[in-house]
């Protein structure tokens, strides 16, 4: 089984968030809780479904990651962009 983390977009503002080790939706991937077993994966899926049902987040997904030197890095480019921020500067 690949390592996985739970990601979503916060409903109130659309910002990418990750479910963290403290049981909160966090804007930083660095503290994301990692599913290392099938049981962990099942538990995180249930948490994501409940958060969606409670209208906290949308687009909830478990994504594959790797852990290297204490850092969490998504395997897919799309998820790396979501974690690291937009590829262009926004002018407001």
Protein backbone atom coordinates (compact mmCIF):
# COMPACT_ATOMS: atom_id res chain seq x y z
CA UNK A 1 0.00 0.00 0.00
CA UNK A 2 1.22 3.48 -0.89
CA UNK A 3 1.38 6.12 1.82
CA UNK A 4 -1.65 8.40 1.60
CA UNK A 5 -2.96 11.63 3.09
CA UNK A 6 -6.43 13.18 3.10
CA UNK A 7 -6.88 16.41 1.16
CA UNK A 8 -9.84 18.61 0.32
CA UNK A 9 -10.84 22.19 -0.35
CA UNK A 10 -12.28 24.23 2.49
CA UNK A 11 -15.90 25.06 1.67
CA UNK A 12 -15.76 28.62 3.02
CA UNK A 13 -13.01 29.85 0.67
CA UNK A 14 -11.86 27.00 -1.59
CA UNK A 15 -8.35 26.87 -0.13
CA UNK A 16 -6.55 23.51 -0.33
CA UNK A 17 -6.35 21.81 3.06
CA UNK A 18 -4.98 18.56 4.49
CA UNK A 19 -6.24 16.60 7.47
CA UNK A 20 -3.50 16.87 10.08
CA UNK A 21 -2.18 14.87 13.03
CA UNK A 22 -4.14 17.10 15.43
CA UNK A 23 -7.47 16.24 13.79
CA UNK A 24 -7.89 19.57 11.99
CA UNK A 25 -7.97 20.72 8.38
CA UNK A 26 -4.67 22.51 7.90
CA UNK A 27 -3.43 24.73 5.06
CA UNK A 28 0.04 23.17 5.37
CA UNK A 29 0.76 19.70 4.07
CA UNK A 30 3.69 19.40 6.50
CA UNK A 31 1.51 18.19 9.40
CA UNK A 32 -0.78 15.92 7.37
CA UNK A 33 -1.67 12.61 8.97
CA UNK A 34 -0.24 9.77 6.90
CA UNK A 35 -2.21 6.59 6.31
CA UNK A 36 0.33 3.79 6.56
CA UNK A 37 -2.11 0.87 6.75
CA UNK A 38 -5.42 -0.12 5.23
CA UNK A 39 -7.08 0.61 8.60
CA UNK A 40 -5.59 4.13 8.58
CA UNK A 41 -6.89 4.62 5.04
CA UNK A 42 -10.39 3.46 5.99
CA UNK A 43 -10.44 5.76 9.03
CA UNK A 44 -9.28 8.80 7.02
CA UNK A 45 -11.88 8.08 4.33
CA UNK A 46 -14.60 8.09 7.01
CA UNK A 47 -13.30 11.38 8.41
CA UNK A 48 -13.37 12.92 4.93
CA UNK A 49 -16.92 11.72 4.25
CA UNK A 50 -18.11 13.16 7.56
CA UNK A 51 -16.39 16.51 6.96
CA UNK A 52 -18.05 16.65 3.53
CA UNK A 53 -21.45 15.80 5.04
CA UNK A 54 -20.91 18.52 7.66
CA UNK A 55 -20.23 21.08 4.87
CA UNK A 56 -16.68 21.77 6.05
CA UNK A 57 -14.87 20.69 2.89
CA UNK A 58 -15.46 19.50 -0.66
CA UNK A 59 -13.50 17.52 -3.25
CA UNK A 60 -12.22 15.16 -0.54
CA UNK A 61 -9.57 12.66 -1.69
CA UNK A 62 -6.89 10.38 -0.40
CA UNK A 63 -3.72 11.06 -2.38
CA UNK A 64 -0.50 9.07 -2.71
CA UNK A 65 2.56 10.63 -1.12
CA UNK A 66 6.15 9.80 -0.33
CA UNK A 67 7.98 10.69 2.84
CA UNK A 68 11.61 11.72 2.52
CA UNK A 69 13.84 13.40 5.08
CA UNK A 70 10.82 14.26 7.21
CA UNK A 71 8.93 15.94 4.36
CA UNK A 72 5.67 14.84 2.75
CA UNK A 73 5.64 15.08 -1.05
CA UNK A 74 2.62 14.25 -3.22
CA UNK A 75 3.42 11.89 -6.08
CA UNK A 76 1.16 13.57 -8.65
CA UNK A 77 2.13 16.94 -10.12
CA UNK A 78 -1.40 18.32 -9.61
CA UNK A 79 -1.19 17.63 -5.89
CA UNK A 80 2.31 19.11 -5.61
CA UNK A 81 0.99 22.33 -7.17
CA UNK A 82 -1.92 22.37 -4.71
CA UNK A 83 0.53 21.87 -1.81
CA UNK A 84 3.09 24.43 -2.92
CA UNK A 85 0.70 27.11 -4.13
CA UNK A 86 -0.16 28.54 -7.53
CA UNK A 87 2.43 28.57 -10.27
CA UNK A 88 1.76 32.28 -10.95
CA UNK A 89 1.48 35.31 -8.68
CA UNK A 90 -1.98 36.70 -8.19
CA UNK A 91 -2.39 40.44 -8.61
CA UNK A 92 -5.05 41.78 -6.31
